[in-house]
Amino acid sequence: MNRFSAEDARRTEALEARLGLRLAASLTALEVAKPDRDVNERLRFAREQALARGREARRTAAASSLHGARGGTAVMSGPDTNTPWWLRVSSVLPLALLLGGLIFIDHQYSRAQIEAAAEVDAAILADDLPPEAYRDAGFVEYLRSARQ
């Protein structure tokens, strides 16, 4: 008896075809990934040239920075006379705003303290007790124990 049907045979052939295509694609990818000897030599030569140019550029930059040249190095200098006036003012503006904000906060804090002290003074003067009673240590202790 034949255990495999025609359907099984088609599936087997399809699987074999897929496996063959995958193997072929993998072999092609390996062949493409492995460059020729000529390509390797050209890449090596280009890499050596790039390294030599980099060394030369570093030597030139080091020599020019020792002689005071500005090429490629950061040099701090005075104000640039070509900068427009509005750009110079706008660079100081954030500092001025910060300083103004700090002064405003200090003013508001002082004003709040003065108002709080004035409220306490007004309450003491409007109270039926004389101000000398608040100086008495026993009265202060009485106030503390009465609140608790």
C-alpha atoms as a PDB file:
ATOM      1  CA  MET A   1       0.000   0.000   0.000  1.00  0.00           C
ATOM      2  CA  ASN A   2       1.098   3.464  -0.782  1.00  0.00           C
ATOM      3  CA  ARG A   3       1.245   5.501   2.428  1.00  0.00           C
ATOM      4  CA  PHE A   4       1.783   8.825   0.664  1.00  0.00           C
ATOM      5  CA  SER A   5      -0.903  10.415  -1.376  1.00  0.00           C
ATOM      6  CA  ALA A   6      -0.459  12.809  -4.270  1.00  0.00           C
ATOM      7  CA  GLU A   7      -1.163  15.716  -1.874  1.00  0.00           C
ATOM      8  CA  ASP A   8       1.713  14.672   0.411  1.00  0.00           C
ATOM      9  CA  ALA A   9       4.039  14.414  -2.565  1.00  0.00           C
ATOM     10  CA  ARG A  10       3.177  17.989  -3.634  1.00  0.00           C
ATOM     11  CA  ARG A  11       3.794  19.294  -0.113  1.00  0.00           C
ATOM     12  CA  THR A  12       7.136  17.525   0.041  1.00  0.00           C
ATOM     13  CA  GLU A  13       8.158  18.994  -3.313  1.00  0.00           C
ATOM     14  CA  ALA A  14       7.094  22.473  -2.201  1.00  0.00           C
ATOM     15  CA  LEU A  15       9.117  22.174   1.014  1.00  0.00           C
ATOM     16  CA  GLU A  16      12.162  20.967  -0.920  1.00  0.00           C
ATOM     17  CA  ALA A  17      11.802  23.876  -3.364  1.00  0.00           C
ATOM     18  CA  ARG A  18      11.583  26.380  -0.483  1.00  0.00           C
ATOM     19  CA  LEU A  19      14.631  24.844   1.185  1.00  0.00           C
ATOM     20  CA  GLY A  20      16.544  25.028  -2.075  1.00  0.00           C
ATOM     21  CA  LEU A  21      15.627  28.691  -2.581  1.00  0.00           C
ATOM     22  CA  ARG A  22      16.675  29.550   0.984  1.00  0.00           C
ATOM     23  CA  LEU A  23      20.009  27.775   0.588  1.00  0.00           C
ATOM     24  CA  ALA A  24      20.626  29.537  -2.709  1.00  0.00           C
ATOM     25  CA  ALA A  25      19.798  32.923  -1.177  1.00  0.00           C
ATOM     26  CA  SER A  26      22.096  32.255   1.788  1.00  0.00           C
ATOM     27  CA  LEU A  27      24.975  31.235  -0.467  1.00  0.00           C
ATOM     28  CA  THR A  28      24.425  34.322  -2.622  1.00  0.00           C
ATOM     29  CA  ALA A  29      24.457  36.548   0.464  1.00  0.00           C
ATOM     30  CA  LEU A  30      27.699  34.974   1.672  1.00  0.00           C
ATOM     31  CA  GLU A  31      29.286  35.483  -1.717  1.00  0.00           C
ATOM     32  CA  VAL A  32      28.201  39.139  -1.838  1.00  0.00           C
ATOM     33  CA  ALA A  33      29.372  39.739   1.735  1.00  0.00           C
ATOM     34  CA  LYS A  34      32.858  38.422   0.961  1.00  0.00           C
ATOM     35  CA  PRO A  35      34.565  41.134  -1.118  1.00  0.00           C
ATOM     36  CA  ASP A  36      37.172  40.401  -3.742  1.00  0.00           C
ATOM     37  CA  ARG A  37      40.873  40.629  -2.990  1.00  0.00           C
ATOM     38  CA  ASP A  38      41.052  43.681  -5.246  1.00  0.00           C
ATOM     39  CA  VAL A  39      38.319  45.433  -3.255  1.00  0.00           C
ATOM     40  CA  ASN A  40      40.128  44.622   0.002  1.00  0.00           C
ATOM     41  CA  GLU A  41      43.340  46.143  -1.330  1.00  0.00           C
ATOM     42  CA  ARG A  42      41.591  49.311  -2.491  1.00  0.00           C
ATOM     43  CA  LEU A  43      39.875  49.679   0.904  1.00  0.00           C
ATOM     44  CA  ARG A  44      43.171  49.170   2.746  1.00  0.00           C
ATOM     45  CA  PHE A  45      44.890  51.774   0.582  1.00  0.00           C
ATOM     46  CA  ALA A  46      42.044  54.289   1.093  1.00  0.00           C
ATOM     47  CA  ARG A  47      42.122  53.694   4.861  1.00  0.00           C
ATOM     48  CA  GLU A  48      45.891  54.310   4.979  1.00  0.00           C
ATOM     49  CA  GLN A  49      45.480  57.525   2.973  1.00  0.00           C
ATOM     50  CA  ALA A  50      42.712  58.743   5.299  1.00  0.00           C
ATOM     51  CA  LEU A  51      44.858  58.033   8.350  1.00  0.00           C
ATOM     52  CA  ALA A  52      47.807  59.890   6.823  1.00  0.00           C
ATOM     53  CA  ARG A  53      45.601  62.906   6.019  1.00  0.00           C
ATOM     54  CA  GLY A  54      44.198  62.848   9.559  1.00  0.00           C
ATOM     55  CA  ARG A  55      47.697  62.830  11.070  1.00  0.00           C
ATOM     56  CA  GLU A  56      48.721  65.712   8.822  1.00  0.00           C
ATOM     57  CA  ALA A  57      45.603  67.707   9.719  1.00  0.00           C
ATOM     58  CA  ARG A  58      46.295  67.176  13.447  1.00  0.00           C
ATOM     59  CA  ARG A  59      49.901  68.323  13.021  1.00  0.00           C
ATOM     60  CA  THR A  60      48.766  71.420  11.125  1.00  0.00           C
ATOM     61  CA  ALA A  61      46.102  72.244  13.726  1.00  0.00           C
ATOM     62  CA  ALA A  62      48.578  71.810  16.585  1.00  0.00           C
ATOM     63  CA  ALA A  63      51.164  73.999  14.872  1.00  0.00           C
ATOM     64  CA  SER A  64      48.648  76.737  14.031  1.00  0.00           C
ATOM     65  CA  SER A  65      47.258  76.793  17.577  1.00  0.00           C
ATOM     66  CA  LEU A  66      50.776  77.175  18.962  1.00  0.00           C
ATOM     67  CA  HIS A  67      51.359  80.168  16.703  1.00  0.00           C
ATOM     68  CA  GLY A  68      48.100  81.874  17.740  1.00  0.00           C
ATOM     69  CA  ALA A  69      46.091  81.173  14.609  1.00  0.00           C
ATOM     70  CA  ARG A  70      42.334  80.846  15.006  1.00  0.00           C
ATOM     71  CA  GLY A  71      41.787  77.969  12.596  1.00  0.00           C
ATOM     72  CA  GLY A  72      39.795  75.201  14.235  1.00  0.00           C
ATOM     73  CA  THR A  73      40.401  76.271  17.834  1.00  0.00           C
ATOM     74  CA  ALA A  74      38.126  78.129  20.218  1.00  0.00           C
ATOM     75  CA  VAL A  75      39.565  81.529  21.075  1.00  0.00           C
ATOM     76  CA  MET A  76      37.912  83.900  23.526  1.00  0.00           C
ATOM     77  CA  SER A  77      38.042  87.491  22.400  1.00  0.00           C
ATOM     78  CA  GLY A  78      36.433  90.806  23.166  1.00  0.00           C
ATOM     79  CA  PRO A  79      33.080  92.023  21.856  1.00  0.00           C
ATOM     80  CA  ASP A  80      32.597  91.851  18.136  1.00  0.00           C
ATOM     81  CA  THR A  81      31.978  95.293  16.645  1.00  0.00           C
ATOM     82  CA  ASN A  82      29.970  93.772  13.795  1.00  0.00           C
ATOM     83  CA  THR A  83      27.262  92.448  16.141  1.00  0.00           C
ATOM     84  CA  PRO A  84      24.016  94.461  15.894  1.00  0.00           C
ATOM     85  CA  TRP A  85      22.997  96.478  18.965  1.00  0.00           C
ATOM     86  CA  TRP A  86      19.692  94.616  19.404  1.00  0.00           C
ATOM     87  CA  LEU A  87      21.532  91.278  19.620  1.00  0.00           C
ATOM     88  CA  ARG A  88      23.840  92.611  22.340  1.00  0.00           C
ATOM     89  CA  VAL A  89      20.859  93.993  24.289  1.00  0.00           C
ATOM     90  CA  SER A  90      18.908  90.754  23.907  1.00  0.00           C
ATOM     91  CA  SER A  91      21.794  88.778  25.393  1.00  0.00           C
ATOM     92  CA  VAL A  92      21.625  90.885  28.592  1.00  0.00           C
ATOM     93  CA  LEU A  93      17.818  90.908  28.758  1.00  0.00           C
ATOM     94  CA  PRO A  94      17.387  87.496  30.528  1.00  0.00           C
ATOM     95  CA  LEU A  95      19.771  88.569  33.290  1.00  0.00           C
ATOM     96  CA  ALA A  96      17.917  91.859  33.746  1.00  0.00           C
ATOM     97  CA  LEU A  97      14.565  90.038  33.926  1.00  0.00           C
ATOM     98  CA  LEU A  98      15.921  87.610  36.516  1.00  0.00           C
ATOM     99  CA  LEU A  99      17.297  90.431  38.634  1.00  0.00           C
ATOM    100  CA  GLY A 100      13.997  92.328  38.396  1.00  0.00           C
ATOM    101  CA  GLY A 101      12.071  89.214  39.407  1.00  0.00           C
ATOM    102  CA  LEU A 102      14.274  88.657  42.455  1.00  0.00           C
ATOM    103  CA  ILE A 103      13.837  92.276  43.554  1.00  0.00           C
ATOM    104  CA  PHE A 104      10.058  91.975  43.123  1.00  0.00           C
ATOM    105  CA  ILE A 105       9.950  88.754  45.184  1.00  0.00           C
ATOM    106  CA  ASP A 106      11.999  90.378  47.967  1.00  0.00           C
ATOM    107  CA  HIS A 107       9.705  93.419  47.977  1.00  0.00           C
ATOM    108  CA  GLN A 108       6.563  91.252  48.197  1.00  0.00           C
ATOM    109  CA  TYR A 109       8.057  89.125  50.990  1.00  0.00           C
ATOM    110  CA  SER A 110       8.993  92.215  53.032  1.00  0.00           C
ATOM    111  CA  ARG A 111       5.553  93.720  52.458  1.00  0.00           C
ATOM    112  CA  ALA A 112       3.852  90.495  53.636  1.00  0.00           C
ATOM    113  CA  GLN A 113       5.956  90.482  56.804  1.00  0.00           C
ATOM    114  CA  ILE A 114       5.107  94.113  57.529  1.00  0.00           C
ATOM    115  CA  GLU A 115       1.383  93.468  56.980  1.00  0.00           C
ATOM    116  CA  ALA A 116       1.457  90.434  59.296  1.00  0.00           C
ATOM    117  CA  ALA A 117       3.212  92.449  62.030  1.00  0.00           C
ATOM    118  CA  ALA A 118       0.699  95.295  61.573  1.00  0.00           C
ATOM    119  CA  GLU A 119      -2.209  92.848  61.996  1.00  0.00           C
ATOM    120  CA  VAL A 120      -0.732  91.511  65.221  1.00  0.00           C
ATOM    121  CA  ASP A 121      -0.114  95.034  66.514  1.00  0.00           C
ATOM    122  CA  ALA A 122      -3.649  96.110  65.625  1.00  0.00           C
ATOM    123  CA  ALA A 123      -5.104  93.055  67.366  1.00  0.00           C
ATOM    124  CA  ILE A 124      -3.059  93.739  70.507  1.00  0.00           C
ATOM    125  CA  LEU A 125      -4.010  97.427  70.605  1.00  0.00           C
ATOM    126  CA  ALA A 126      -7.711  96.733  69.919  1.00  0.00           C
ATOM    127  CA  ASP A 127      -7.877  94.036  72.623  1.00  0.00           C
ATOM    128  CA  ASP A 128      -9.303  94.695  76.096  1.00  0.00           C
ATOM    129  CA  LEU A 129      -6.059  93.558  77.760  1.00  0.00           C
ATOM    130  CA  PRO A 130      -3.303  96.069  78.293  1.00  0.00           C
ATOM    131  CA  PRO A 131      -0.063  95.494  76.284  1.00  0.00           C
ATOM    132  CA  GLU A 132       1.829  94.815  79.550  1.00  0.00           C
ATOM    133  CA  ALA A 133      -0.168  91.602  79.984  1.00  0.00           C
ATOM    134  CA  TYR A 134       1.448  90.153  76.880  1.00  0.00           C
ATOM    135  CA  ARG A 135       4.894  90.709  78.401  1.00  0.00           C
ATOM    136  CA  ASP A 136       4.086  88.649  81.474  1.00  0.00           C
ATOM    137  CA  ALA A 137       5.577  85.132  81.200  1.00  0.00           C
ATOM    138  CA  GLY A 138       2.653  83.616  83.087  1.00  0.00           C
ATOM    139  CA  PHE A 139       0.142  85.081  80.648  1.00  0.00           C
ATOM    140  CA  VAL A 140       2.051  83.662  77.659  1.00  0.00           C
ATOM    141  CA  GLU A 141       2.021  80.260  79.367  1.00  0.00           C
ATOM    142  CA  TYR A 142      -1.705  80.673  80.011  1.00  0.00           C
ATOM    143  CA  LEU A 143      -2.299  81.405  76.300  1.00  0.00           C
ATOM    144  CA  ARG A 144      -0.315  78.326  75.267  1.00  0.00           C
ATOM    145  CA  SER A 145      -2.195  76.011  77.645  1.00  0.00           C
ATOM    146  CA  ALA A 146      -5.586  77.511  76.759  1.00  0.00           C
ATOM    147  CA  ARG A 147      -5.134  76.702  73.025  1.00  0.00           C
ATOM    148  CA  GLN A 148      -4.330  73.056  73.658  1.00  0.00           C
END
